Amino acid sequence: MVLYEIQAEIEAIEKNAALYEETNFDSRVDALDTIEFNIIDRIEGLLPTTTQPEEWARLKQYAESIKRQLEDIDEKLFQRLRADIRDGLCPAPALKSLIGKYVGCHSSRDRVHDEIGYDSLDEFINGLLLLEAIPTETKVREREMVAYQQTPARIILELIEKAQLTEKDVFYDLGSGLGQVSILVHLLSGALAKGIEFEPAYCAYARMCAAGLNLSGVEFINEDARQADYADGTVFFLYTPFEGRLLQEVLEKLRRVSEQSMMRLFTYGPCTPQVSRQSWLECIDQNEAHIYKLGVFRGL
């Protein structure tokens, strides 16, 4: 009975014509999750105990074939969009419209989050911007350096919306990881975007992704954030790349930037409360020190 039940579930997905329409990205994400976690994982758990291994193996192959068909639709979509970006055929307004078309409205102002949280918007951005498998770290982090974690895509879009960046701005992402924040900021605003990253493998990966999209307005610098030169920066972002005294050292460098020119600082995660206590910064958003909301500050 369980075998036929799972088979019926796979057949229902296969016969759902809407899933094969390119624009139904959200629905495909849900279907792929169902196949991966509710069907294939379940079959693998049952295989060692079944008296019908051949039938279960065929059922697994059936599920995997449907999974590949759905993944191929997304890959062809991303290949086409990346080609348009490389050729300069996808300016910021068009890319914003495409994001809305494929994954709907993800305005963080209309949603409440009490944790980090990822969704189909992240799946879309990852598929578009991450060109290869994520590399392994090569350097040992210092005690106050925080392990890399991807910035939720909705937070990047909120940052871009609230910062109102222009081509005259120079944006810095401190602890830029695989580069999605800087790349997306540049694509959706035209601002020069720079990522500061301690881990060489991540920095090289981010450079590869930017080069693959033919982006000259994005730069990734493999450097300790305490040593970097931020003199040309106007907008900065921190998704808690470090904490404690290390964070305070970097904030002191940013304070010196604020003494020379107007600057804005955006934060996300556990670093926000410490940033909010800086006497040289003013919080200009109602989120104040909430760690799961975008913090917005400007230099006094």
Protein backbone atom coordinates (compact mmCIF):
# COMPACT_ATOMS: atom_id res chain seq x y z
CA MET A 1 0.00 0.00 0.00
CA VAL A 2 2.80 2.44 0.85
CA LEU A 3 4.48 1.77 -2.51
CA TYR A 4 1.31 2.58 -4.44
CA GLU A 5 0.69 5.62 -2.28
CA ILE A 6 4.13 7.06 -3.08
CA GLN A 7 3.74 6.16 -6.75
CA ALA A 8 0.46 8.08 -6.87
CA GLU A 9 2.18 11.09 -5.31
CA ILE A 10 4.91 11.04 -7.98
CA GLU A 11 2.32 10.67 -10.75
CA ALA A 12 0.38 13.65 -9.41
CA ILE A 13 3.50 15.80 -9.66
CA GLU A 14 4.33 14.48 -13.12
CA LYS A 15 0.81 15.25 -14.42
CA ASN A 16 0.69 18.76 -12.96
CA ALA A 17 1.13 20.73 -16.18
CA ALA A 18 1.60 24.02 -14.33
CA LEU A 19 4.92 22.80 -12.92
CA TYR A 20 6.36 22.68 -16.45
CA GLU A 21 5.52 26.33 -17.13
CA GLU A 22 8.71 28.32 -16.66
CA THR A 23 7.11 31.14 -14.67
CA ASN A 24 5.82 28.80 -11.93
CA PHE A 25 9.16 28.80 -10.11
CA ASP A 26 7.59 28.91 -6.63
CA SER A 27 5.49 25.82 -7.31
CA ARG A 28 8.48 23.97 -8.75
CA VAL A 29 10.52 24.69 -5.61
CA ASP A 30 7.76 23.12 -3.50
CA ALA A 31 7.47 20.11 -5.83
CA LEU A 32 11.24 19.54 -5.84
CA ASP A 33 11.30 19.69 -2.04
CA THR A 34 8.49 17.13 -1.92
CA ILE A 35 10.32 14.80 -4.29
CA GLU A 36 13.64 15.14 -2.47
CA PHE A 37 12.53 14.98 1.14
CA ASN A 38 9.11 13.32 1.20
CA ILE A 39 9.61 10.80 -1.58
CA ILE A 40 13.25 9.95 -2.36
CA ASP A 41 14.38 10.15 1.27
CA ARG A 42 11.39 8.05 2.31
CA ILE A 43 12.14 5.41 -0.33
CA GLU A 44 15.79 5.25 0.73
CA GLY A 45 14.67 4.72 4.31
CA LEU A 46 12.38 1.85 3.30
CA LEU A 47 14.74 0.09 0.85
CA PRO A 48 16.83 -1.78 3.47
CA THR A 49 13.71 -3.32 5.04
CA THR A 50 11.54 -4.10 2.02
CA THR A 51 10.89 -7.49 0.45
CA GLN A 52 10.40 -5.75 -2.92
CA PRO A 53 13.76 -3.98 -3.50
CA GLU A 54 13.51 -3.96 -7.29
CA GLU A 55 10.10 -2.27 -7.29
CA TRP A 56 11.24 0.33 -4.78
CA ALA A 57 14.42 0.95 -6.79
CA ARG A 58 12.33 1.53 -9.94
CA LEU A 59 10.09 3.91 -8.01
CA LYS A 60 13.13 5.86 -6.85
CA GLN A 61 14.38 6.12 -10.45
CA TYR A 62 10.94 7.35 -11.50
CA ALA A 63 11.03 10.09 -8.84
CA GLU A 64 14.57 11.06 -9.81
CA SER A 65 13.60 11.38 -13.48
CA ILE A 66 10.76 13.80 -12.64
CA LYS A 67 13.13 15.74 -10.38
CA ARG A 68 15.64 16.11 -13.23
CA GLN A 69 12.93 17.32 -15.63
CA LEU A 70 11.88 20.06 -13.22
CA GLU A 71 15.48 21.04 -12.44
CA ASP A 72 16.23 21.29 -16.18
CA ILE A 73 13.47 23.89 -16.58
CA ASP A 74 15.09 26.05 -13.89
CA GLU A 75 18.60 25.58 -15.25
CA LYS A 76 17.54 26.67 -18.75
CA LEU A 77 15.84 29.71 -17.20
CA PHE A 78 18.98 30.69 -15.29
CA GLN A 79 21.22 30.12 -18.30
CA ARG A 80 19.09 32.50 -20.36
CA LEU A 81 18.95 35.16 -17.63
CA ARG A 82 22.71 34.96 -17.04
CA ALA A 83 23.31 35.37 -20.78
CA ASP A 84 21.08 38.47 -20.80
CA ILE A 85 23.01 39.93 -17.85
CA ARG A 86 26.37 39.22 -19.54
CA ASP A 87 25.16 40.92 -22.72
CA GLY A 88 23.80 43.97 -20.91
CA LEU A 89 20.22 43.09 -21.81
CA CYS A 90 18.88 42.96 -18.24
CA PRO A 91 19.06 46.42 -16.64
CA ALA A 92 17.96 46.94 -13.03
CA PRO A 93 14.25 47.63 -13.72
CA ALA A 94 13.99 44.54 -15.92
CA LEU A 95 15.72 42.32 -13.36
CA LYS A 96 13.47 43.62 -10.57
CA SER A 97 10.45 42.83 -12.72
CA LEU A 98 11.74 39.32 -13.45
CA ILE A 99 12.29 38.58 -9.78
CA GLY A 100 8.71 39.62 -9.08
CA LYS A 101 7.49 37.56 -12.03
CA TYR A 102 9.16 34.34 -10.95
CA VAL A 103 8.98 34.49 -7.16
CA GLY A 104 6.29 37.06 -6.45
CA CYS A 105 6.37 39.86 -3.88
CA HIS A 106 8.84 39.37 -1.02
CA SER A 107 8.70 42.78 0.62
CA SER A 108 10.02 42.32 4.15
CA ARG A 109 7.81 45.17 5.33
CA ASP A 110 4.79 42.90 4.83
CA ARG A 111 6.29 39.92 6.64
CA VAL A 112 7.31 39.21 10.22
CA HIS A 113 10.43 37.13 10.83
CA ASP A 114 11.66 35.94 14.20
CA GLU A 115 14.46 33.88 12.69
CA ILE A 116 16.73 33.99 9.65
CA GLY A 117 14.48 32.03 7.28
CA TYR A 118 15.02 31.20 3.60
CA ASP A 119 12.44 30.65 0.88
CA SER A 120 11.95 30.36 -2.89
CA LEU A 121 13.40 33.85 -3.38
CA ASP A 122 16.72 32.52 -2.04
CA GLU A 123 16.45 29.50 -4.34
CA PHE A 124 16.01 31.84 -7.30
CA ILE A 125 18.91 34.14 -6.38
CA ASN A 126 21.19 31.16 -5.68
CA GLY A 127 20.31 29.58 -9.01
CA LEU A 128 20.99 32.83 -10.83
CA LEU A 129 24.20 33.95 -9.10
CA LEU A 130 26.00 30.86 -7.77
CA LEU A 131 27.71 29.24 -10.74
CA GLU A 132 29.51 26.30 -9.15
CA ALA A 133 29.59 24.21 -5.97
CA ILE A 134 30.48 26.14 -2.81
CA PRO A 135 34.22 25.87 -2.01
CA THR A 136 35.76 24.59 1.22
CA GLU A 137 37.34 27.11 3.59
CA THR A 138 41.15 27.19 3.56
CA LYS A 139 41.98 29.50 6.49
CA VAL A 140 41.36 29.10 10.20
CA ARG A 141 39.05 31.83 11.47
CA GLU A 142 40.01 33.88 14.50
CA ARG A 143 37.91 33.34 17.62
CA GLU A 144 35.63 36.34 17.05
CA MET A 145 35.13 35.67 13.34
CA VAL A 146 31.70 34.17 12.63
CA ALA A 147 31.21 31.25 10.23
CA TYR A 148 29.80 32.21 6.84
CA GLN A 149 26.03 32.18 6.50
CA GLN A 150 24.17 33.42 3.47
CA THR A 151 22.25 36.69 3.80
CA PRO A 152 18.52 36.03 3.18
CA ALA A 153 17.65 37.43 -0.24
CA ARG A 154 14.66 39.36 1.13
CA ILE A 155 17.10 41.29 3.37
CA ILE A 156 19.27 42.20 0.36
CA LEU A 157 16.23 43.48 -1.54
CA GLU A 158 15.09 45.46 1.50
CA LEU A 159 18.56 46.98 1.83
CA ILE A 160 18.55 48.02 -1.83
CA GLU A 161 15.06 49.51 -1.47
CA LYS A 162 15.87 51.49 1.69
CA ALA A 163 19.37 52.61 0.68
CA GLN A 164 18.16 54.13 -2.61
CA LEU A 165 21.64 53.58 -4.03
CA THR A 166 22.75 55.36 -7.19
CA GLU A 167 25.69 54.96 -9.54
CA LYS A 168 27.51 57.59 -7.45
CA ASP A 169 27.52 55.34 -4.36
CA VAL A 170 30.26 52.92 -3.34
CA PHE A 171 28.81 49.98 -1.44
CA TYR A 172 30.84 47.72 0.87
CA ASP A 173 29.80 44.29 2.13
CA LEU A 174 32.08 43.36 5.04
CA GLY A 175 32.43 39.59 5.19
CA SER A 176 31.12 39.17 1.66
CA GLY A 177 31.33 35.38 1.50
CA LEU A 178 30.27 34.04 -1.90
CA GLY A 179 29.41 37.51 -3.17
CA GLN A 180 25.61 37.46 -3.63
CA VAL A 181 25.03 40.71 -1.72
CA SER A 182 27.54 42.80 -3.67
CA ILE A 183 26.54 41.30 -7.02
CA LEU A 184 22.82 41.82 -6.45
CA VAL A 185 23.33 45.35 -5.11
CA HIS A 186 25.25 46.26 -8.26
CA LEU A 187 22.75 44.59 -10.59
CA LEU A 188 19.74 46.30 -9.01
CA SER A 189 21.22 49.75 -8.37
CA GLY A 190 24.20 50.32 -10.64
CA ALA A 191 26.34 51.30 -7.64
CA LEU A 192 29.97 50.21 -7.49
CA ALA A 193 29.95 47.29 -5.04
CA LYS A 194 32.93 45.94 -3.13
CA GLY A 195 33.13 42.84 -0.97
CA ILE A 196 35.73 42.42 1.76
CA GLU A 197 36.36 38.73 2.52
CA PHE A 198 38.91 37.06 4.81
CA GLU A 199 38.60 33.57 3.25
CA PRO A 200 40.58 33.30 -0.04
CA ALA A 201 38.44 30.47 -1.45
CA TYR A 202 35.23 32.46 -0.96
CA CYS A 203 36.79 35.58 -2.47
CA ALA A 204 37.98 33.65 -5.53
CA TYR A 205 34.53 32.10 -5.91
CA ALA A 206 32.83 35.50 -5.75
CA ARG A 207 35.22 36.90 -8.36
CA MET A 208 34.45 33.92 -10.61
CA CYS A 209 30.70 34.53 -10.29
CA ALA A 210 31.07 38.26 -11.08
CA ALA A 211 33.31 37.53 -14.07
CA GLY A 212 30.83 34.92 -15.29
CA LEU A 213 28.21 37.66 -15.46
CA ASN A 214 30.62 40.16 -17.07
CA LEU A 215 30.25 42.63 -14.19
CA SER A 216 32.93 45.32 -14.08
CA GLY A 217 31.20 47.24 -11.29
CA VAL A 218 31.79 44.56 -8.65
CA GLU A 219 35.08 44.01 -6.83
CA PHE A 220 36.04 41.41 -4.24
CA ILE A 221 39.01 42.06 -1.98
CA ASN A 222 40.66 39.25 -0.04
CA GLU A 223 41.62 41.17 3.09
CA ASP A 224 41.09 41.34 6.83
CA ALA A 225 38.28 43.85 7.43
CA ARG A 226 40.45 45.58 10.06
CA GLN A 227 43.06 46.39 7.41
CA ALA A 228 40.83 47.43 4.49
CA ASP A 229 40.61 50.99 3.19
CA TYR A 230 37.00 52.22 3.23
CA ALA A 231 37.68 55.87 2.41
CA ASP A 232 35.55 55.86 -0.76
CA GLY A 233 32.61 54.03 0.84
CA THR A 234 29.18 55.63 1.20
CA VAL A 235 27.03 52.61 2.16
CA PHE A 236 28.15 49.63 4.26
CA PHE A 237 26.58 46.29 5.18
CA LEU A 238 27.37 43.84 7.97
CA TYR A 239 25.68 40.47 8.35
CA THR A 240 27.52 39.74 11.60
CA PRO A 241 30.83 38.63 10.04
CA PHE A 242 32.53 39.07 13.42
CA GLU A 243 31.68 40.03 16.99
CA GLY A 244 33.11 41.45 20.21
CA ARG A 245 36.35 43.38 20.08
CA LEU A 246 36.99 42.53 16.44
CA LEU A 247 33.66 44.05 15.47
CA GLN A 248 34.45 47.12 17.55
CA GLU A 249 37.79 47.57 15.76
CA VAL A 250 36.06 47.55 12.40
CA LEU A 251 33.38 49.95 13.64
CA GLU A 252 36.14 52.35 14.69
CA LYS A 253 37.45 52.32 11.12
CA LEU A 254 33.97 53.09 9.85
CA ARG A 255 33.64 55.90 12.40
CA ARG A 256 36.67 57.57 10.83
CA VAL A 257 34.99 57.30 7.43
CA SER A 258 31.90 59.01 8.85
CA GLU A 259 34.05 61.92 10.04
CA GLN A 260 35.08 62.64 6.47
CA SER A 261 31.77 62.19 4.65
CA MET A 262 28.15 61.15 5.06
CA MET A 263 27.82 57.37 5.33
CA ARG A 264 25.09 54.85 6.04
CA LEU A 265 25.42 51.47 7.68
CA PHE A 266 23.04 48.51 7.35
CA THR A 267 23.22 45.49 9.64
CA TYR A 268 21.58 42.11 10.09
CA GLY A 269 21.92 39.48 12.78
CA PRO A 270 23.49 39.51 16.27
CA CYS A 271 25.87 42.38 15.46
CA THR A 272 22.98 44.88 15.34
CA PRO A 273 22.68 45.52 19.13
CA GLN A 274 26.39 46.33 19.41
CA VAL A 275 26.19 48.61 16.39
CA SER A 276 23.14 50.37 17.82
CA ARG A 277 25.15 51.33 20.92
CA GLN A 278 27.72 53.34 18.95
CA SER A 279 27.55 57.01 19.93
CA TRP A 280 28.55 58.17 16.45
CA LEU A 281 25.63 56.38 14.77
CA GLU A 282 21.94 57.24 14.62
CA CYS A 283 19.34 54.54 14.09
CA ILE A 284 16.96 55.75 11.36
CA ASP A 285 14.63 52.77 11.26
CA GLN A 286 11.98 51.49 13.65
CA ASN A 287 13.65 48.07 13.79
CA GLU A 288 16.27 49.44 16.21
CA ALA A 289 18.28 46.49 17.61
CA HIS A 290 16.13 43.58 16.38
CA ILE A 291 18.60 40.94 15.19
CA TYR A 292 16.27 39.43 12.57
CA LYS A 293 15.38 42.70 10.92
CA LEU A 294 17.48 45.03 8.83
CA GLY A 295 19.19 47.67 10.98
CA VAL A 296 19.56 51.07 9.33
CA PHE A 297 22.02 53.65 10.69
CA ARG A 298 23.76 56.81 9.57
CA GLY A 299 26.83 58.61 10.81
CA LEU A 300 26.32 61.72 12.92
